[in-house]
Amino acid sequence: MMDNNHWIVRREQHEVIRTMYEEGVHIDEVVVDVVRDLHNQVLELGVIDPPRRGGSRRGKRPNIARGRIEGHERLMRDYFVEDPVYDARMFRQRFRMSKRLFLKY
């Protein structure tokens, strides 16, 4: 059974949401704020552990230089310039969709 404090918090959150809506705050911002507040409340109650931070770890190999920028430039030059190296038929063969459909999105 829920105690009265639960309903007070819910009523306060409802008031905050209504006020933000009336002030013209975008609904996505409201949802993010509400979820963040609820997450913080759950952390305070000790129901879940705080998230661990990932990222790089000591002793691991460095990232491999894959030449992504050069690859992008080559892809643009081969398929998307005024006079491409490969025509629309080759584009469809490689990417399994028409160039027109790809450019639509």
N, C-alpha and C. Protein backbone atom coordinates (compact mmCIF):
# COMPACT_ATOMS: atom_id res chain seq x y z
N MET A 1 0.84 -1.18 0.00
CA MET A 1 0.00 0.00 0.00
C MET A 1 0.88 1.25 0.00
N MET A 2 0.48 2.26 -0.74
CA MET A 2 1.29 3.46 -0.86
C MET A 2 0.95 4.44 0.25
N ASP A 3 1.99 5.10 0.73
CA ASP A 3 1.75 6.08 1.78
C ASP A 3 1.39 7.44 1.18
N ASN A 4 1.03 8.37 2.04
CA ASN A 4 0.60 9.69 1.57
C ASN A 4 1.74 10.48 0.94
N ASN A 5 2.99 10.21 1.36
CA ASN A 5 4.13 10.93 0.77
C ASN A 5 4.24 10.65 -0.72
N HIS A 6 3.92 9.44 -1.13
CA HIS A 6 3.96 9.09 -2.55
C HIS A 6 3.01 9.99 -3.34
N TRP A 7 1.82 10.17 -2.83
CA TRP A 7 0.83 10.98 -3.54
C TRP A 7 1.21 12.46 -3.53
N ILE A 8 1.87 12.92 -2.48
CA ILE A 8 2.32 14.31 -2.43
C ILE A 8 3.36 14.55 -3.51
N VAL A 9 4.32 13.62 -3.65
CA VAL A 9 5.34 13.75 -4.68
C VAL A 9 4.70 13.75 -6.06
N ARG A 10 3.77 12.84 -6.29
CA ARG A 10 3.10 12.78 -7.59
C ARG A 10 2.35 14.07 -7.88
N ARG A 11 1.67 14.62 -6.88
CA ARG A 11 0.93 15.86 -7.06
C ARG A 11 1.89 17.00 -7.38
N GLU A 12 3.04 17.05 -6.69
CA GLU A 12 4.03 18.08 -6.96
C GLU A 12 4.59 17.95 -8.37
N GLN A 13 4.88 16.73 -8.81
CA GLN A 13 5.38 16.51 -10.16
C GLN A 13 4.34 16.93 -11.20
N HIS A 14 3.08 16.63 -10.93
CA HIS A 14 2.02 17.02 -11.85
C HIS A 14 1.95 18.54 -11.97
N GLU A 15 2.08 19.23 -10.86
CA GLU A 15 2.05 20.69 -10.88
C GLU A 15 3.24 21.26 -11.66
N VAL A 16 4.41 20.66 -11.48
CA VAL A 16 5.59 21.11 -12.21
C VAL A 16 5.40 20.91 -13.71
N ILE A 17 4.89 19.76 -14.09
CA ILE A 17 4.65 19.47 -15.51
C ILE A 17 3.64 20.45 -16.09
N ARG A 18 2.56 20.70 -15.37
CA ARG A 18 1.53 21.62 -15.87
C ARG A 18 2.10 23.03 -16.02
N THR A 19 2.90 23.47 -15.06
CA THR A 19 3.51 24.80 -15.12
C THR A 19 4.46 24.90 -16.30
N MET A 20 5.28 23.89 -16.50
CA MET A 20 6.22 23.91 -17.62
C MET A 20 5.48 23.93 -18.95
N TYR A 21 4.40 23.17 -19.04
CA TYR A 21 3.61 23.14 -20.27
C TYR A 21 3.01 24.51 -20.56
N GLU A 22 2.49 25.14 -19.52
CA GLU A 22 1.88 26.46 -19.69
C GLU A 22 2.91 27.51 -20.09
N GLU A 23 4.16 27.33 -19.67
CA GLU A 23 5.23 28.26 -20.02
C GLU A 23 5.80 27.99 -21.41
N GLY A 24 5.32 26.94 -22.08
CA GLY A 24 5.75 26.65 -23.43
C GLY A 24 7.00 25.81 -23.53
N VAL A 25 7.37 25.14 -22.45
CA VAL A 25 8.52 24.25 -22.50
C VAL A 25 8.14 23.03 -23.33
N HIS A 26 9.03 22.61 -24.20
CA HIS A 26 8.75 21.47 -25.09
C HIS A 26 8.54 20.20 -24.26
N ILE A 27 7.61 19.35 -24.67
CA ILE A 27 7.24 18.16 -23.90
C ILE A 27 8.43 17.21 -23.72
N ASP A 28 9.35 17.14 -24.70
CA ASP A 28 10.52 16.27 -24.56
C ASP A 28 11.38 16.69 -23.37
N GLU A 29 11.51 18.01 -23.18
CA GLU A 29 12.28 18.50 -22.05
C GLU A 29 11.61 18.12 -20.73
N VAL A 30 10.29 18.19 -20.72
CA VAL A 30 9.53 17.83 -19.51
C VAL A 30 9.75 16.35 -19.19
N VAL A 31 9.65 15.51 -20.19
CA VAL A 31 9.81 14.07 -19.98
C VAL A 31 11.22 13.76 -19.47
N VAL A 32 12.22 14.38 -20.06
CA VAL A 32 13.60 14.15 -19.63
C VAL A 32 13.77 14.57 -18.18
N ASP A 33 13.23 15.72 -17.81
CA ASP A 33 13.34 16.20 -16.43
C ASP A 33 12.64 15.25 -15.45
N VAL A 34 11.46 14.79 -15.81
CA VAL A 34 10.71 13.89 -14.92
C VAL A 34 11.46 12.56 -14.76
N VAL A 35 11.95 12.00 -15.85
CA VAL A 35 12.67 10.73 -15.78
C VAL A 35 13.94 10.89 -14.95
N ARG A 36 14.66 12.00 -15.15
CA ARG A 36 15.86 12.25 -14.37
C ARG A 36 15.54 12.35 -12.88
N ASP A 37 14.46 13.06 -12.53
CA ASP A 37 14.06 13.17 -11.13
C ASP A 37 13.70 11.82 -10.54
N LEU A 38 12.93 11.03 -11.28
CA LEU A 38 12.55 9.70 -10.79
C LEU A 38 13.77 8.80 -10.61
N HIS A 39 14.70 8.88 -11.55
CA HIS A 39 15.92 8.09 -11.46
C HIS A 39 16.71 8.47 -10.20
N ASN A 40 16.82 9.77 -9.95
CA ASN A 40 17.53 10.22 -8.75
C ASN A 40 16.84 9.76 -7.48
N GLN A 41 15.50 9.75 -7.47
CA GLN A 41 14.76 9.27 -6.30
C GLN A 41 15.03 7.79 -6.06
N VAL A 42 15.07 7.02 -7.14
CA VAL A 42 15.34 5.58 -7.02
C VAL A 42 16.75 5.35 -6.49
N LEU A 43 17.71 6.14 -6.98
CA LEU A 43 19.08 6.01 -6.49
C LEU A 43 19.16 6.33 -5.00
N GLU A 44 18.42 7.37 -4.57
CA GLU A 44 18.43 7.75 -3.16
C GLU A 44 17.84 6.65 -2.28
N LEU A 45 16.86 5.94 -2.80
CA LEU A 45 16.25 4.86 -2.03
C LEU A 45 17.14 3.62 -1.98
N GLY A 46 18.15 3.58 -2.84
CA GLY A 46 19.07 2.45 -2.84
C GLY A 46 18.53 1.22 -3.54
N VAL A 47 17.53 1.40 -4.39
CA VAL A 47 16.94 0.26 -5.10
C VAL A 47 17.89 -0.26 -6.18
N ILE A 48 18.58 0.66 -6.84
CA ILE A 48 19.54 0.27 -7.88
C ILE A 48 20.89 0.90 -7.56
N ASP A 49 21.94 0.34 -8.11
CA ASP A 49 23.27 0.90 -7.93
C ASP A 49 23.48 2.02 -8.94
N PRO A 50 24.30 3.01 -8.59
CA PRO A 50 24.61 4.07 -9.56
C PRO A 50 25.32 3.48 -10.76
N PRO A 51 25.13 4.06 -11.94
CA PRO A 51 25.77 3.50 -13.14
C PRO A 51 27.28 3.63 -13.06
N ARG A 52 27.97 2.62 -13.57
CA ARG A 52 29.42 2.67 -13.66
C ARG A 52 29.79 3.40 -14.93
N ARG A 53 30.87 4.11 -14.88
CA ARG A 53 31.33 4.82 -16.06
C ARG A 53 32.20 3.88 -16.89
N GLY A 54 31.94 3.86 -18.17
CA GLY A 54 32.74 3.02 -19.06
C GLY A 54 33.92 3.79 -19.60
N GLY A 55 34.16 3.67 -20.85
CA GLY A 55 35.24 4.40 -21.48
C GLY A 55 36.51 3.58 -21.55
N SER A 56 37.58 4.28 -21.79
CA SER A 56 38.87 3.61 -21.94
C SER A 56 39.33 3.02 -20.62
N ARG A 57 39.99 1.89 -20.73
CA ARG A 57 40.55 1.25 -19.54
C ARG A 57 42.06 1.16 -19.70
N ARG A 58 42.75 1.25 -18.61
CA ARG A 58 44.20 1.17 -18.65
C ARG A 58 44.66 -0.20 -19.13
N GLY A 59 45.77 -0.18 -19.88
CA GLY A 59 46.35 -1.44 -20.33
C GLY A 59 45.74 -1.98 -21.62
N LYS A 60 44.78 -1.29 -22.19
CA LYS A 60 44.18 -1.74 -23.44
C LYS A 60 44.90 -1.11 -24.62
N ARG A 61 44.76 -1.73 -25.77
CA ARG A 61 45.41 -1.23 -26.96
C ARG A 61 44.81 0.10 -27.39
N PRO A 62 45.59 0.97 -28.03
CA PRO A 62 45.05 2.23 -28.54
C PRO A 62 44.15 1.98 -29.75
N ASN A 63 43.33 2.94 -30.06
CA ASN A 63 42.44 2.83 -31.21
C ASN A 63 43.25 2.72 -32.50
N ILE A 64 42.72 1.99 -33.45
CA ILE A 64 43.37 1.80 -34.75
C ILE A 64 42.96 2.94 -35.66
N ALA A 65 43.92 3.56 -36.30
CA ALA A 65 43.63 4.63 -37.27
C ALA A 65 43.10 3.98 -38.53
N ARG A 66 41.82 4.18 -38.80
CA ARG A 66 41.19 3.50 -39.94
C ARG A 66 40.99 4.40 -41.15
N GLY A 67 41.37 5.64 -41.07
CA GLY A 67 41.24 6.53 -42.22
C GLY A 67 39.80 6.81 -42.58
N ARG A 68 38.97 7.07 -41.58
CA ARG A 68 37.54 7.27 -41.84
C ARG A 68 37.27 8.51 -42.69
N ILE A 69 38.01 9.56 -42.47
CA ILE A 69 37.79 10.78 -43.24
C ILE A 69 38.14 10.55 -44.70
N GLU A 70 39.27 9.89 -44.94
CA GLU A 70 39.65 9.59 -46.32
C GLU A 70 38.64 8.66 -46.98
N GLY A 71 38.12 7.69 -46.22
CA GLY A 71 37.11 6.78 -46.75
C GLY A 71 35.83 7.52 -47.13
N HIS A 72 35.44 8.47 -46.29
CA HIS A 72 34.25 9.28 -46.61
C HIS A 72 34.48 10.08 -47.89
N GLU A 73 35.64 10.71 -47.99
CA GLU A 73 35.95 11.50 -49.19
C GLU A 73 35.97 10.62 -50.43
N ARG A 74 36.53 9.41 -50.33
CA ARG A 74 36.57 8.49 -51.45
C ARG A 74 35.16 8.05 -51.84
N LEU A 75 34.32 7.75 -50.86
CA LEU A 75 32.94 7.36 -51.13
C LEU A 75 32.18 8.47 -51.85
N MET A 76 32.35 9.70 -51.39
CA MET A 76 31.68 10.84 -52.03
C MET A 76 32.18 11.00 -53.47
N ARG A 77 33.49 10.89 -53.67
CA ARG A 77 34.08 11.04 -55.00
C ARG A 77 33.62 9.91 -55.93
N ASP A 78 33.50 8.70 -55.41
CA ASP A 78 33.15 7.55 -56.25
C ASP A 78 31.67 7.52 -56.64
N TYR A 79 30.79 8.03 -55.79
CA TYR A 79 29.36 7.86 -56.04
C TYR A 79 28.52 9.13 -56.11
N PHE A 80 28.94 10.23 -55.49
CA PHE A 80 28.01 11.35 -55.31
C PHE A 80 28.45 12.67 -55.92
N VAL A 81 29.41 12.70 -56.77
CA VAL A 81 29.83 13.94 -57.43
C VAL A 81 29.15 14.04 -58.80
N GLU A 82 29.38 15.15 -59.48
CA GLU A 82 28.77 15.38 -60.79
C GLU A 82 29.10 14.26 -61.78
N ASP A 83 30.35 13.86 -61.83
CA ASP A 83 30.79 12.80 -62.74
C ASP A 83 31.39 11.66 -61.90
N PRO A 84 30.55 10.77 -61.32
CA PRO A 84 31.04 9.74 -60.40
C PRO A 84 31.84 8.64 -61.12
N VAL A 85 32.68 7.99 -60.35
CA VAL A 85 33.46 6.87 -60.87
C VAL A 85 32.53 5.70 -61.20
N TYR A 86 31.56 5.43 -60.31
CA TYR A 86 30.63 4.32 -60.48
C TYR A 86 29.23 4.86 -60.75
N ASP A 87 28.51 4.20 -61.66
CA ASP A 87 27.17 4.66 -62.02
C ASP A 87 26.12 4.12 -61.04
N ALA A 88 24.84 4.45 -61.30
CA ALA A 88 23.73 4.05 -60.42
C ALA A 88 23.60 2.53 -60.33
N ARG A 89 23.91 1.82 -61.42
CA ARG A 89 23.83 0.36 -61.40
C ARG A 89 24.83 -0.22 -60.42
N MET A 90 26.04 0.30 -60.41
CA MET A 90 27.07 -0.17 -59.48
C MET A 90 26.71 0.20 -58.04
N PHE A 91 26.09 1.38 -57.86
CA PHE A 91 25.65 1.78 -56.53
C PHE A 91 24.65 0.77 -55.99
N ARG A 92 23.67 0.42 -56.82
CA ARG A 92 22.64 -0.54 -56.40
C ARG A 92 23.25 -1.91 -56.09
N GLN A 93 24.22 -2.32 -56.88
CA GLN A 93 24.86 -3.61 -56.66
C GLN A 93 25.62 -3.63 -55.33
N ARG A 94 26.28 -2.54 -55.00
CA ARG A 94 27.07 -2.51 -53.77
C ARG A 94 26.22 -2.30 -52.52
N PHE A 95 25.25 -1.38 -52.59
CA PHE A 95 24.50 -1.01 -51.39
C PHE A 95 23.09 -1.60 -51.31
N ARG A 96 22.70 -2.38 -52.30
CA ARG A 96 21.42 -3.08 -52.31
C ARG A 96 20.21 -2.15 -52.20
N MET A 97 20.35 -0.96 -52.76
CA MET A 97 19.23 -0.03 -52.86
C MET A 97 19.55 0.96 -53.96
N SER A 98 18.51 1.56 -54.50
CA SER A 98 18.75 2.52 -55.57
C SER A 98 19.36 3.79 -54.98
N LYS A 99 20.13 4.46 -55.80
CA LYS A 99 20.76 5.70 -55.36
C LYS A 99 19.69 6.74 -55.05
N ARG A 100 18.63 6.75 -55.83
CA ARG A 100 17.52 7.69 -55.62
C ARG A 100 16.90 7.48 -54.25
N LEU A 101 16.67 6.23 -53.87
CA LEU A 101 16.12 5.92 -52.56
C LEU A 101 17.08 6.33 -51.44
N PHE A 102 18.35 6.08 -51.62
CA PHE A 102 19.35 6.47 -50.63
C PHE A 102 19.36 7.99 -50.43
N LEU A 103 19.31 8.74 -51.52
CA LEU A 103 19.35 10.20 -51.44
C LEU A 103 18.05 10.78 -50.88
N LYS A 104 16.99 10.01 -50.92
CA LYS A 104 15.70 10.48 -50.39
C LYS A 104 15.79 10.70 -48.89
N TYR A 105 16.57 9.89 -48.22
CA TYR A 105 16.69 9.99 -46.76
C TYR A 105 17.95 10.69 -46.41
